[in-house]
Amino acid sequence: MNDNSPCYKLGRSVVGNLVPMDNLRLETSTDCFYGLSYHHIELVKFESTQDVDIITISFLNRTVRIKGRNLRNLGVALQMRGIESIKPMAERYSSLAAGENGWVKSIEILEQKEEAHA
């Protein structure tokens, strides 16, 4: 897997295999990031259309939606718990992530409301 994407950083590898990480850092802006536990992931879903790729990550109490282009390798690395951090890049820099590197346009974190118990 190519680890030269300006939008995400792979964790370390041993003998060419990614070492599973415990936490994932999601940088939603230069002023804010979230640290989420890989152990709380319930589902990672990758979808691709002609215009955009979408990765949906369901955690115990929140859902993360990552949009961009060429994100399949990122989705596979998330499945292997091999990504250390992900951050979006402005449209004007999308050419830096051409090809298989992937370009993250946005990261959206949706908090789930706790259900009221009767």
PDB file of N, CA and C in Angstrom:
ATOM      1  N   MET A   1       0.844  -1.178   0.000  1.00  0.00           N
ATOM      2  CA  MET A   1       0.000   0.000   0.000  1.00  0.00           C
ATOM      3  C   MET A   1       0.887   1.236   0.000  1.00  0.00           C
ATOM      4  N   ASN A   2       0.523   2.197  -0.802  1.00  0.00           N
ATOM      5  CA  ASN A   2       1.268   3.439  -0.892  1.00  0.00           C
ATOM      6  C   ASN A   2       0.949   4.307   0.319  1.00  0.00           C
ATOM      7  N   ASP A   3       1.983   4.764   1.012  1.00  0.00           N
ATOM      8  CA  ASP A   3       1.755   5.557   2.227  1.00  0.00           C
ATOM      9  C   ASP A   3       2.138   7.025   2.041  1.00  0.00           C
ATOM     10  N   ASN A   4       2.087   7.505   0.809  1.00  0.00           N
ATOM     11  CA  ASN A   4       2.485   8.876   0.525  1.00  0.00           C
ATOM     12  C   ASN A   4       1.311   9.839   0.388  1.00  0.00           C
ATOM     13  N   SER A   5       0.173   9.527   0.938  1.00  0.00           N
ATOM     14  CA  SER A   5      -0.972  10.418   0.837  1.00  0.00           C
ATOM     15  C   SER A   5      -0.823  11.576   1.811  1.00  0.00           C
ATOM     16  N   PRO A   6      -1.076  12.789   1.360  1.00  0.00           N
ATOM     17  CA  PRO A   6      -1.052  13.925   2.292  1.00  0.00           C
ATOM     18  C   PRO A   6      -2.289  13.956   3.191  1.00  0.00           C
ATOM     19  N   CYS A   7      -3.267  13.081   2.934  1.00  0.00           N
ATOM     20  CA  CYS A   7      -4.521  13.095   3.691  1.00  0.00           C
ATOM     21  C   CYS A   7      -4.572  12.076   4.820  1.00  0.00           C
ATOM     22  N   TYR A   8      -3.731  11.082   4.787  1.00  0.00           N
ATOM     23  CA  TYR A   8      -3.741  10.114   5.875  1.00  0.00           C
ATOM     24  C   TYR A   8      -2.341   9.561   6.110  1.00  0.00           C
ATOM     25  N   LYS A   9      -2.133   9.136   7.347  1.00  0.00           N
ATOM     26  CA  LYS A   9      -0.835   8.600   7.747  1.00  0.00           C
ATOM     27  C   LYS A   9      -1.014   7.165   8.206  1.00  0.00           C
ATOM     28  N   LEU A  10      -0.249   6.280   7.592  1.00  0.00           N
ATOM     29  CA  LEU A  10      -0.260   4.883   8.009  1.00  0.00           C
ATOM     30  C   LEU A  10       0.517   4.726   9.302  1.00  0.00           C
ATOM     31  N   GLY A  11       0.129   3.744  10.095  1.00  0.00           N
ATOM     32  CA  GLY A  11       0.906   3.395  11.275  1.00  0.00           C
ATOM     33  C   GLY A  11       2.174   2.682  10.835  1.00  0.00           C
ATOM     34  N   ARG A  12       2.939   2.257  11.788  1.00  0.00           N
ATOM     35  CA  ARG A  12       4.196   1.582  11.443  1.00  0.00           C
ATOM     36  C   ARG A  12       3.925   0.184  10.891  1.00  0.00           C
ATOM     37  N   SER A  13       4.908  -0.337  10.193  1.00  0.00           N
ATOM     38  CA  SER A  13       4.777  -1.683   9.643  1.00  0.00           C
ATOM     39  C   SER A  13       5.998  -2.509  10.025  1.00  0.00           C
ATOM     40  N   VAL A  14       5.787  -3.803  10.093  1.00  0.00           N
ATOM     41  CA  VAL A  14       6.853  -4.746  10.385  1.00  0.00           C
ATOM     42  C   VAL A  14       6.849  -5.766   9.264  1.00  0.00           C
ATOM     43  N   VAL A  15       7.981  -5.922   8.606  1.00  0.00           N
ATOM     44  CA  VAL A  15       8.145  -6.841   7.487  1.00  0.00           C
ATOM     45  C   VAL A  15       7.039  -6.613   6.451  1.00  0.00           C
ATOM     46  N   GLY A  16       6.737  -5.344   6.173  1.00  0.00           N
ATOM     47  CA  GLY A  16       5.759  -4.998   5.154  1.00  0.00           C
ATOM     48  C   GLY A  16       4.306  -5.104   5.561  1.00  0.00           C
ATOM     49  N   ASN A  17       4.038  -5.527   6.795  1.00  0.00           N
ATOM     50  CA  ASN A  17       2.663  -5.646   7.280  1.00  0.00           C
ATOM     51  C   ASN A  17       2.379  -4.551   8.300  1.00  0.00           C
ATOM     52  N   LEU A  18       1.209  -3.920   8.162  1.00  0.00           N
ATOM     53  CA  LEU A  18       0.822  -2.881   9.109  1.00  0.00           C
ATOM     54  C   LEU A  18       0.604  -3.462  10.494  1.00  0.00           C
ATOM     55  N   VAL A  19       1.099  -2.758  11.496  1.00  0.00           N
ATOM     56  CA  VAL A  19       0.866  -3.146  12.883  1.00  0.00           C
ATOM     57  C   VAL A  19      -0.452  -2.503  13.316  1.00  0.00           C
ATOM     58  N   PRO A  20      -1.411  -3.286  13.818  1.00  0.00           N
ATOM     59  CA  PRO A  20      -2.709  -2.715  14.211  1.00  0.00           C
ATOM     60  C   PRO A  20      -2.551  -1.614  15.264  1.00  0.00           C
ATOM     61  N   MET A  21      -3.290  -0.527  15.050  1.00  0.00           N
ATOM     62  CA  MET A  21      -3.276   0.616  15.952  1.00  0.00           C
ATOM     63  C   MET A  21      -4.413   0.469  16.964  1.00  0.00           C
ATOM     64  N   ASP A  22      -4.301   1.168  18.087  1.00  0.00           N
ATOM     65  CA  ASP A  22      -5.373   1.178  19.083  1.00  0.00           C
ATOM     66  C   ASP A  22      -6.330   2.347  18.866  1.00  0.00           C
ATOM     67  N   ASN A  23      -5.810   3.486  18.358  1.00  0.00           N
ATOM     68  CA  ASN A  23      -6.612   4.693  18.210  1.00  0.00           C
ATOM     69  C   ASN A  23      -6.460   5.292  16.824  1.00  0.00           C
ATOM     70  N   LEU A  24      -7.486   6.000  16.419  1.00  0.00           N
ATOM     71  CA  LEU A  24      -7.526   6.694  15.133  1.00  0.00           C
ATOM     72  C   LEU A  24      -7.733   8.184  15.412  1.00  0.00           C
ATOM     73  N   ARG A  25      -6.856   9.029  14.872  1.00  0.00           N
ATOM     74  CA  ARG A  25      -7.011  10.478  15.012  1.00  0.00           C
ATOM     75  C   ARG A  25      -7.665  11.029  13.754  1.00  0.00           C
ATOM     76  N   LEU A  26      -8.791  11.728  13.927  1.00  0.00           N
ATOM     77  CA  LEU A  26      -9.512  12.355  12.826  1.00  0.00           C
ATOM     78  C   LEU A  26      -9.397  13.860  12.997  1.00  0.00           C
ATOM     79  N   GLU A  27      -8.716  14.513  12.074  1.00  0.00           N
ATOM     80  CA  GLU A  27      -8.525  15.960  12.132  1.00  0.00           C
ATOM     81  C   GLU A  27      -9.587  16.611  11.262  1.00  0.00           C
ATOM     82  N   THR A  28     -10.629  17.133  11.887  1.00  0.00           N
ATOM     83  CA  THR A  28     -11.719  17.734  11.131  1.00  0.00           C
ATOM     84  C   THR A  28     -11.370  19.132  10.637  1.00  0.00           C
ATOM     85  N   SER A  29     -10.400  19.776  11.273  1.00  0.00           N
ATOM     86  CA  SER A  29      -9.888  21.076  10.841  1.00  0.00           C
ATOM     87  C   SER A  29      -8.513  21.249  11.475  1.00  0.00           C
ATOM     88  N   THR A  30      -7.847  22.352  11.163  1.00  0.00           N
ATOM     89  CA  THR A  30      -6.539  22.593  11.765  1.00  0.00           C
ATOM     90  C   THR A  30      -6.651  22.883  13.252  1.00  0.00           C
ATOM     91  N   ASP A  31      -7.861  23.223  13.720  1.00  0.00           N
ATOM     92  CA  ASP A  31      -8.081  23.578  15.121  1.00  0.00           C
ATOM     93  C   ASP A  31      -8.716  22.470  15.950  1.00  0.00           C
ATOM     94  N   CYS A  32      -9.095  21.356  15.325  1.00  0.00           N
ATOM     95  CA  CYS A  32      -9.865  20.338  16.056  1.00  0.00           C
ATOM     96  C   CYS A  32      -9.531  18.933  15.546  1.00  0.00           C
ATOM     97  N   PHE A  33      -9.327  18.020  16.489  1.00  0.00           N
ATOM     98  CA  PHE A  33      -9.211  16.611  16.111  1.00  0.00           C
ATOM     99  C   PHE A  33      -9.886  15.746  17.157  1.00  0.00           C
ATOM    100  N   TYR A  34     -10.252  14.536  16.742  1.00  0.00           N
ATOM    101  CA  TYR A  34     -10.871  13.541  17.610  1.00  0.00           C
ATOM    102  C   TYR A  34      -9.944  12.331  17.671  1.00  0.00           C
ATOM    103  N   GLY A  35      -9.813  11.733  18.825  1.00  0.00           N
ATOM    104  CA  GLY A  35      -9.117  10.463  18.973  1.00  0.00           C
ATOM    105  C   GLY A  35     -10.143   9.400  19.306  1.00  0.00           C
ATOM    106  N   LEU A  36     -10.325   8.438  18.420  1.00  0.00           N
ATOM    107  CA  LEU A  36     -11.350   7.406  18.598  1.00  0.00           C
ATOM    108  C   LEU A  36     -10.688   6.027  18.647  1.00  0.00           C
ATOM    109  N   SER A  37     -11.244   5.159  19.459  1.00  0.00           N
ATOM    110  CA  SER A  37     -10.698   3.820  19.635  1.00  0.00           C
ATOM    111  C   SER A  37     -11.111   2.896  18.482  1.00  0.00           C
ATOM    112  N   TYR A  38     -10.142   2.241  17.885  1.00  0.00           N
ATOM    113  CA  TYR A  38     -10.453   1.227  16.865  1.00  0.00           C
ATOM    114  C   TYR A  38     -11.306   0.113  17.469  1.00  0.00           C
ATOM    115  N   HIS A  39     -11.163  -0.130  18.763  1.00  0.00           N
ATOM    116  CA  HIS A  39     -11.893  -1.222  19.410  1.00  0.00           C
ATOM    117  C   HIS A  39     -13.398  -0.950  19.486  1.00  0.00           C
ATOM    118  N   HIS A  40     -13.816   0.302  19.230  1.00  0.00           N
ATOM    119  CA  HIS A  40     -15.239   0.647  19.263  1.00  0.00           C
ATOM    120  C   HIS A  40     -15.881   0.656  17.880  1.00  0.00           C
ATOM    121  N   ILE A  41     -15.119   0.268  16.862  1.00  0.00           N
ATOM    122  CA  ILE A  41     -15.666   0.223  15.504  1.00  0.00           C
ATOM    123  C   ILE A  41     -16.572  -0.997  15.351  1.00  0.00           C
ATOM    124  N   GLU A  42     -17.770  -0.739  14.845  1.00  0.00           N
ATOM    125  CA  GLU A  42     -18.710  -1.812  14.559  1.00  0.00           C
ATOM    126  C   GLU A  42     -18.716  -2.171  13.078  1.00  0.00           C
ATOM    127  N   LEU A  43     -18.460  -1.155  12.205  1.00  0.00           N
ATOM    128  CA  LEU A  43     -18.588  -1.366  10.773  1.00  0.00           C
ATOM    129  C   LEU A  43     -17.758  -0.333  10.018  1.00  0.00           C
ATOM    130  N   VAL A  44     -17.078  -0.767   8.960  1.00  0.00           N
ATOM    131  CA  VAL A  44     -16.442   0.139   8.008  1.00  0.00           C
ATOM    132  C   VAL A  44     -17.036  -0.186   6.649  1.00  0.00           C
ATOM    133  N   LYS A  45     -17.624   0.818   6.004  1.00  0.00           N
ATOM    134  CA  LYS A  45     -18.271   0.616   4.706  1.00  0.00           C
ATOM    135  C   LYS A  45     -17.645   1.549   3.684  1.00  0.00           C
ATOM    136  N   PHE A  46     -17.243   1.004   2.535  1.00  0.00           N
ATOM    137  CA  PHE A  46     -16.699   1.784   1.430  1.00  0.00           C
ATOM    138  C   PHE A  46     -17.698   1.761   0.286  1.00  0.00           C
ATOM    139  N   GLU A  47     -18.027   2.941  -0.257  1.00  0.00           N
ATOM    140  CA  GLU A  47     -18.908   3.057  -1.420  1.00  0.00           C
ATOM    141  C   GLU A  47     -18.236   3.975  -2.431  1.00  0.00           C
ATOM    142  N   SER A  48     -18.370   3.634  -3.700  1.00  0.00           N
ATOM    143  CA  SER A  48     -17.781   4.453  -4.745  1.00  0.00           C
ATOM    144  C   SER A  48     -18.819   4.753  -5.819  1.00  0.00           C
ATOM    145  N   THR A  49     -18.887   6.029  -6.197  1.00  0.00           N
ATOM    146  CA  THR A  49     -19.703   6.440  -7.327  1.00  0.00           C
ATOM    147  C   THR A  49     -18.756   7.089  -8.332  1.00  0.00           C
ATOM    148  N   GLN A  50     -19.308   7.573  -9.413  1.00  0.00           N
ATOM    149  CA  GLN A  50     -18.471   8.197 -10.432  1.00  0.00           C
ATOM    150  C   GLN A  50     -17.773   9.459  -9.923  1.00  0.00           C
ATOM    151  N   ASP A  51     -18.438  10.192  -9.017  1.00  0.00           N
ATOM    152  CA  ASP A  51     -17.906  11.479  -8.574  1.00  0.00           C
ATOM    153  C   ASP A  51     -17.220  11.473  -7.216  1.00  0.00           C
ATOM    154  N   VAL A  52     -17.589  10.537  -6.329  1.00  0.00           N
ATOM    155  CA  VAL A  52     -17.088  10.591  -4.954  1.00  0.00           C
ATOM    156  C   VAL A  52     -17.016   9.195  -4.346  1.00  0.00           C
ATOM    157  N   ASP A  53     -16.035   9.001  -3.481  1.00  0.00           N
ATOM    158  CA  ASP A  53     -15.959   7.800  -2.654  1.00  0.00           C
ATOM    159  C   ASP A  53     -16.396   8.204  -1.255  1.00  0.00           C
ATOM    160  N   ILE A  54     -17.093   7.294  -0.577  1.00  0.00           N
ATOM    161  CA  ILE A  54     -17.548   7.559   0.779  1.00  0.00           C
ATOM    162  C   ILE A  54     -17.167   6.374   1.655  1.00  0.00           C
ATOM    163  N   ILE A  55     -16.500   6.666   2.769  1.00  0.00           N
ATOM    164  CA  ILE A  55     -16.222   5.657   3.785  1.00  0.00           C
ATOM    165  C   ILE A  55     -17.066   6.020   4.993  1.00  0.00           C
ATOM    166  N   THR A  56     -17.865   5.074   5.447  1.00  0.00           N
ATOM    167  CA  THR A  56     -18.678   5.265   6.644  1.00  0.00           C
ATOM    168  C   THR A  56     -18.138   4.336   7.714  1.00  0.00           C
ATOM    169  N   ILE A  57     -17.819   4.907   8.877  1.00  0.00           N
ATOM    170  CA  ILE A  57     -17.307   4.130  10.000  1.00  0.00           C
ATOM    171  C   ILE A  57     -18.304   4.275  11.137  1.00  0.00           C
ATOM    172  N   SER A  58     -18.867   3.161  11.571  1.00  0.00           N
ATOM    173  CA  SER A  58     -19.810   3.180  12.686  1.00  0.00           C
ATOM    174  C   SER A  58     -19.075   2.786  13.961  1.00  0.00           C
ATOM    175  N   PHE A  59     -19.060   3.713  14.913  1.00  0.00           N
ATOM    176  CA  PHE A  59     -18.512   3.458  16.235  1.00  0.00           C
ATOM    177  C   PHE A  59     -19.683   3.216  17.182  1.00  0.00           C
ATOM    178  N   LEU A  60     -19.406   2.916  18.431  1.00  0.00           N
ATOM    179  CA  LEU A  60     -20.475   2.656  19.398  1.00  0.00           C
ATOM    180  C   LEU A  60     -21.443   3.820  19.529  1.00  0.00           C
ATOM    181  N   ASN A  61     -20.959   5.052  19.626  1.00  0.00           N
ATOM    182  CA  ASN A  61     -21.829   6.201  19.879  1.00  0.00           C
ATOM    183  C   ASN A  61     -21.751   7.287  18.816  1.00  0.00           C
ATOM    184  N   ARG A  62     -21.157   6.998  17.686  1.00  0.00           N
ATOM    185  CA  ARG A  62     -21.055   8.012  16.638  1.00  0.00           C
ATOM    186  C   ARG A  62     -20.805   7.341  15.298  1.00  0.00           C
ATOM    187  N   THR A  63     -21.072   8.086  14.262  1.00  0.00           N
ATOM    188  CA  THR A  63     -20.805   7.644  12.900  1.00  0.00           C
ATOM    189  C   THR A  63     -19.903   8.675  12.244  1.00  0.00           C
ATOM    190  N   VAL A  64     -18.890   8.196  11.538  1.00  0.00           N
ATOM    191  CA  VAL A  64     -17.962   9.070  10.835  1.00  0.00           C
ATOM    192  C   VAL A  64     -18.152   8.857   9.342  1.00  0.00           C
ATOM    193  N   ARG A  65     -18.272   9.946   8.604  1.00  0.00           N
ATOM    194  CA  ARG A  65     -18.418   9.876   7.150  1.00  0.00           C
ATOM    195  C   ARG A  65     -17.255  10.640   6.525  1.00  0.00           C
ATOM    196  N   ILE A  66     -16.461   9.922   5.709  1.00  0.00           N
ATOM    197  CA  ILE A  66     -15.308  10.494   5.029  1.00  0.00           C
ATOM    198  C   ILE A  66     -15.604  10.499   3.540  1.00  0.00           C
ATOM    199  N   LYS A  67     -15.491  11.679   2.921  1.00  0.00           N
ATOM    200  CA  LYS A  67     -15.751  11.801   1.483  1.00  0.00           C
ATOM    201  C   LYS A  67     -14.490  12.256   0.772  1.00  0.00           C
ATOM    202  N   GLY A  68     -14.313  11.750  -0.447  1.00  0.00           N
ATOM    203  CA  GLY A  68     -13.157  12.129  -1.245  1.00  0.00           C
ATOM    204  C   GLY A  68     -13.083  11.316  -2.515  1.00  0.00           C
ATOM    205  N   ARG A  69     -11.872  11.122  -3.003  1.00  0.00           N
ATOM    206  CA  ARG A  69     -11.647  10.328  -4.216  1.00  0.00           C
ATOM    207  C   ARG A  69     -10.525   9.335  -3.976  1.00  0.00           C
ATOM    208  N   ASN A  70     -10.637   8.202  -4.653  1.00  0.00           N
ATOM    209  CA  ASN A  70      -9.628   7.141  -4.573  1.00  0.00           C
ATOM    210  C   ASN A  70      -9.377   6.707  -3.128  1.00  0.00           C
ATOM    211  N   LEU A  71     -10.450   6.415  -2.405  1.00  0.00           N
ATOM    212  CA  LEU A  71     -10.350   6.093  -0.980  1.00  0.00           C
ATOM    213  C   LEU A  71     -10.384   4.599  -0.677  1.00  0.00           C
ATOM    214  N   ARG A  72     -10.366   3.764  -1.682  1.00  0.00           N
ATOM    215  CA  ARG A  72     -10.434   2.320  -1.442  1.00  0.00           C
ATOM    216  C   ARG A  72      -9.284   1.832  -0.565  1.00  0.00           C
ATOM    217  N   ASN A  73      -8.051   2.230  -0.860  1.00  0.00           N
ATOM    218  CA  ASN A  73      -6.902   1.795  -0.055  1.00  0.00           C
ATOM    219  C   ASN A  73      -7.019   2.278   1.383  1.00  0.00           C
ATOM    220  N   LEU A  74      -7.560   3.478   1.571  1.00  0.00           N
ATOM    221  CA  LEU A  74      -7.786   3.994   2.914  1.00  0.00           C
ATOM    222  C   LEU A  74      -8.789   3.101   3.644  1.00  0.00           C
ATOM    223  N   GLY A  75      -9.868   2.704   2.975  1.00  0.00           N
ATOM    224  CA  GLY A  75     -10.860   1.821   3.578  1.00  0.00           C
ATOM    225  C   GLY A  75     -10.268   0.478   3.979  1.00  0.00           C
ATOM    226  N   VAL A  76      -9.437  -0.080   3.127  1.00  0.00           N
ATOM    227  CA  VAL A  76      -8.801  -1.366   3.430  1.00  0.00           C
ATOM    228  C   VAL A  76      -7.858  -1.218   4.623  1.00  0.00           C
ATOM    229  N   ALA A  77      -7.089  -0.133   4.657  1.00  0.00           N
ATOM    230  CA  ALA A  77      -6.176   0.094   5.780  1.00  0.00           C
ATOM    231  C   ALA A  77      -6.936   0.329   7.086  1.00  0.00           C
ATOM    232  N   LEU A  78      -8.110   0.969   7.013  1.00  0.00           N
ATOM    233  CA  LEU A  78      -8.946   1.133   8.205  1.00  0.00           C
ATOM    234  C   LEU A  78      -9.418  -0.226   8.709  1.00  0.00           C
ATOM    235  N   GLN A  79      -9.785  -1.100   7.783  1.00  0.00           N
ATOM    236  CA  GLN A  79     -10.228  -2.445   8.146  1.00  0.00           C
ATOM    237  C   GLN A  79      -9.116  -3.177   8.903  1.00  0.00           C
ATOM    238  N   MET A  80      -7.874  -2.935   8.524  1.00  0.00           N
ATOM    239  CA  MET A  80      -6.730  -3.595   9.158  1.00  0.00           C
ATOM    240  C   MET A  80      -6.222  -2.824  10.379  1.00  0.00           C
ATOM    241  N   ARG A  81      -6.923  -1.725  10.756  1.00  0.00           N
ATOM    242  CA  ARG A  81      -6.518  -0.863  11.868  1.00  0.00           C
ATOM    243  C   ARG A  81      -5.117  -0.306  11.660  1.00  0.00           C
ATOM    244  N   GLY A  82      -4.792   0.012  10.393  1.00  0.00           N
ATOM    245  CA  GLY A  82      -3.451   0.464  10.061  1.00  0.00           C
ATOM    246  C   GLY A  82      -3.295   1.954   9.850  1.00  0.00           C
ATOM    247  N   ILE A  83      -4.361   2.728  10.037  1.00  0.00           N
ATOM    248  CA  ILE A  83      -4.292   4.174   9.824  1.00  0.00           C
ATOM    249  C   ILE A  83      -4.108   4.869  11.166  1.00  0.00           C
ATOM    250  N   GLU A  84      -3.119   5.747  11.240  1.00  0.00           N
ATOM    251  CA  GLU A  84      -2.866   6.520  12.455  1.00  0.00           C
ATOM    252  C   GLU A  84      -3.711   7.785  12.490  1.00  0.00           C
ATOM    253  N   SER A  85      -3.798   8.490  11.340  1.00  0.00           N
ATOM    254  CA  SER A  85      -4.564   9.740  11.310  1.00  0.00           C
ATOM    255  C   SER A  85      -5.087  10.019   9.909  1.00  0.00           C
ATOM    256  N   ILE A  86      -6.194  10.797   9.869  1.00  0.00           N
ATOM    257  CA  ILE A  86      -6.813  11.207   8.608  1.00  0.00           C
ATOM    258  C   ILE A  86      -7.151  12.682   8.727  1.00  0.00           C
ATOM    259  N   LYS A  87      -6.894  13.435   7.649  1.00  0.00           N
ATOM    260  CA  LYS A  87      -7.269  14.849   7.633  1.00  0.00           C
ATOM    261  C   LYS A  87      -7.717  15.235   6.225  1.00  0.00           C
ATOM    262  N   PRO A  88      -8.655  16.169   6.142  1.00  0.00           N
ATOM    263  CA  PRO A  88      -9.113  16.635   4.827  1.00  0.00           C
ATOM    264  C   PRO A  88      -8.124  17.640   4.239  1.00  0.00           C
ATOM    265  N   MET A  89      -8.185  17.765   2.918  1.00  0.00           N
ATOM    266  CA  MET A  89      -7.372  18.757   2.218  1.00  0.00           C
ATOM    267  C   MET A  89      -8.269  19.571   1.305  1.00  0.00           C
ATOM    268  N   ALA A  90      -7.931  20.824   1.128  1.00  0.00           N
ATOM    269  CA  ALA A  90      -8.699  21.712   0.262  1.00  0.00           C
ATOM    270  C   ALA A  90      -8.694  21.198  -1.180  1.00  0.00           C
ATOM    271  N   GLU A  91      -9.747  21.508  -1.902  1.00  0.00           N
ATOM    272  CA  GLU A  91      -9.911  21.083  -3.302  1.00  0.00           C
ATOM    273  C   GLU A  91      -8.693  21.445  -4.149  1.00  0.00           C
ATOM    274  N   ARG A  92      -8.116  22.613  -3.899  1.00  0.00           N
ATOM    275  CA  ARG A  92      -6.986  23.071  -4.727  1.00  0.00           C
ATOM    276  C   ARG A  92      -5.759  22.161  -4.605  1.00  0.00           C
ATOM    277  N   TYR A  93      -5.704  21.328  -3.542  1.00  0.00           N
ATOM    278  CA  TYR A  93      -4.586  20.414  -3.365  1.00  0.00           C
ATOM    279  C   TYR A  93      -4.919  18.985  -3.775  1.00  0.00           C
ATOM    280  N   SER A  94      -6.083  18.762  -4.335  1.00  0.00           N
ATOM    281  CA  SER A  94      -6.503  17.399  -4.662  1.00  0.00           C
ATOM    282  C   SER A  94      -5.577  16.731  -5.668  1.00  0.00           C
ATOM    283  N   SER A  95      -4.899  17.504  -6.525  1.00  0.00           N
ATOM    284  CA  SER A  95      -3.987  16.915  -7.504  1.00  0.00           C
ATOM    285  C   SER A  95      -2.777  16.267  -6.831  1.00  0.00           C
ATOM    286  N   LEU A  96      -2.438  16.682  -5.597  1.00  0.00           N
ATOM    287  CA  LEU A  96      -1.331  16.066  -4.863  1.00  0.00           C
ATOM    288  C   LEU A  96      -1.645  14.625  -4.499  1.00  0.00           C
ATOM    289  N   ALA A  97      -2.920  14.316  -4.404  1.00  0.00           N
ATOM    290  CA  ALA A  97      -3.347  12.974  -4.020  1.00  0.00           C
ATOM    291  C   ALA A  97      -3.918  12.220  -5.211  1.00  0.00           C
ATOM    292  N   ALA A  98      -3.412  12.505  -6.388  1.00  0.00           N
ATOM    293  CA  ALA A  98      -3.899  11.819  -7.585  1.00  0.00           C
ATOM    294  C   ALA A  98      -3.486  10.344  -7.545  1.00  0.00           C
ATOM    295  N   GLY A  99      -4.206   9.537  -8.281  1.00  0.00           N
ATOM    296  CA  GLY A  99      -3.894   8.117  -8.355  1.00  0.00           C
ATOM    297  C   GLY A  99      -4.394   7.365  -7.142  1.00  0.00           C
ATOM    298  N   GLU A 100      -3.632   6.368  -6.708  1.00  0.00           N
ATOM    299  CA  GLU A 100      -4.085   5.496  -5.625  1.00  0.00           C
ATOM    300  C   GLU A 100      -3.904   6.093  -4.238  1.00  0.00           C
ATOM    301  N   ASN A 101      -3.243   7.244  -4.117  1.00  0.00           N
ATOM    302  CA  ASN A 101      -2.984   7.831  -2.796  1.00  0.00           C
ATOM    303  C   ASN A 101      -4.251   8.236  -2.072  1.00  0.00           C
ATOM    304  N   GLY A 102      -5.246   8.687  -2.773  1.00  0.00           N
ATOM    305  CA  GLY A 102      -6.490   9.107  -2.151  1.00  0.00           C
ATOM    306  C   GLY A 102      -6.469  10.559  -1.720  1.00  0.00           C
ATOM    307  N   TRP A 103      -7.627  11.181  -1.808  1.00  0.00           N
ATOM    308  CA  TRP A 103      -7.804  12.568  -1.402  1.00  0.00           C
ATOM    309  C   TRP A 103      -9.060  12.654  -0.559  1.00  0.00           C
ATOM    310  N   VAL A 104      -8.928  13.164   0.660  1.00  0.00           N
ATOM    311  CA  VAL A 104     -10.048  13.311   1.583  1.00  0.00           C
ATOM    312  C   VAL A 104     -10.561  14.740   1.487  1.00  0.00           C
ATOM    313  N   LYS A 105     -11.805  14.878   1.058  1.00  0.00           N
ATOM    314  CA  LYS A 105     -12.430  16.200   0.926  1.00  0.00           C
ATOM    315  C   LYS A 105     -13.038  16.658   2.244  1.00  0.00           C
ATOM    316  N   SER A 106     -13.701  15.738   2.962  1.00  0.00           N
ATOM    317  CA  SER A 106     -14.354  16.125   4.210  1.00  0.00           C
ATOM    318  C   SER A 106     -14.444  14.944   5.159  1.00  0.00           C
ATOM    319  N   ILE A 107     -14.485  15.289   6.457  1.00  0.00           N
ATOM    320  CA  ILE A 107     -14.715  14.320   7.521  1.00  0.00           C
ATOM    321  C   ILE A 107     -15.860  14.860   8.366  1.00  0.00           C
ATOM    322  N   GLU A 108     -16.915  14.072   8.475  1.00  0.00           N
ATOM    323  CA  GLU A 108     -18.095  14.481   9.237  1.00  0.00           C
ATOM    324  C   GLU A 108     -18.302  13.483  10.377  1.00  0.00           C
ATOM    325  N   ILE A 109     -18.463  13.991  11.591  1.00  0.00           N
ATOM    326  CA  ILE A 109     -18.676  13.135  12.749  1.00  0.00           C
ATOM    327  C   ILE A 109     -20.069  13.409  13.303  1.00  0.00           C
ATOM    328  N   LEU A 110     -20.895  12.380  13.299  1.00  0.00           N
ATOM    329  CA  LEU A 110     -22.277  12.486  13.755  1.00  0.00           C
ATOM    330  C   LEU A 110     -22.422  11.768  15.083  1.00  0.00           C
ATOM    331  N   GLU A 111     -22.774  12.512  16.132  1.00  0.00           N
ATOM    332  CA  GLU A 111     -22.988  11.919  17.453  1.00  0.00           C
ATOM    333  C   GLU A 111     -24.378  11.283  17.463  1.00  0.00           C
ATOM    334  N   GLN A 112     -24.487  10.091  18.051  1.00  0.00           N
ATOM    335  CA  GLN A 112     -25.786   9.429  18.164  1.00  0.00           C
ATOM    336  C   GLN A 112     -26.416   9.821  19.485  1.00  0.00           C
ATOM    337  N   LYS A 113     -27.675  10.128  19.438  1.00  0.00           N
ATOM    338  CA  LYS A 113     -28.424  10.498  20.638  1.00  0.00           C
ATOM    339  C   LYS A 113     -28.716   9.246  21.443  1.00  0.00           C
ATOM    340  N   GLU A 114     -28.580   9.372  22.748  1.00  0.00           N
ATOM    341  CA  GLU A 114     -28.935   8.246  23.615  1.00  0.00           C
ATOM    342  C   GLU A 114     -30.452   8.122  23.651  1.00  0.00           C
ATOM    343  N   GLU A 115     -30.925   6.880  23.548  1.00  0.00           N
ATOM    344  CA  GLU A 115     -32.365   6.643  23.596  1.00  0.00           C
ATOM    345  C   GLU A 115     -32.869   6.754  25.030  1.00  0.00           C
ATOM    346  N   ALA A 116     -34.005   7.364  25.186  1.00  0.00           N
ATOM    347  CA  ALA A 116     -34.621   7.484  26.507  1.00  0.00           C
ATOM    348  C   ALA A 116     -35.159   6.114  26.932  1.00  0.00           C
ATOM    349  N   HIS A 117     -34.874   5.752  28.152  1.00  0.00           N
ATOM    350  CA  HIS A 117     -35.378   4.474  28.668  1.00  0.00           C
ATOM    351  C   HIS A 117     -36.614   4.726  29.525  1.00  0.00           C
ATOM    352  N   ALA A 118     -37.626   3.899  29.330  1.00  0.00           N
ATOM    353  CA  ALA A 118     -38.886   4.062  30.089  1.00  0.00           C
ATOM    354  C   ALA A 118     -38.773   3.467  31.455  1.00  0.00           C
TER     355      ALA A 118
END
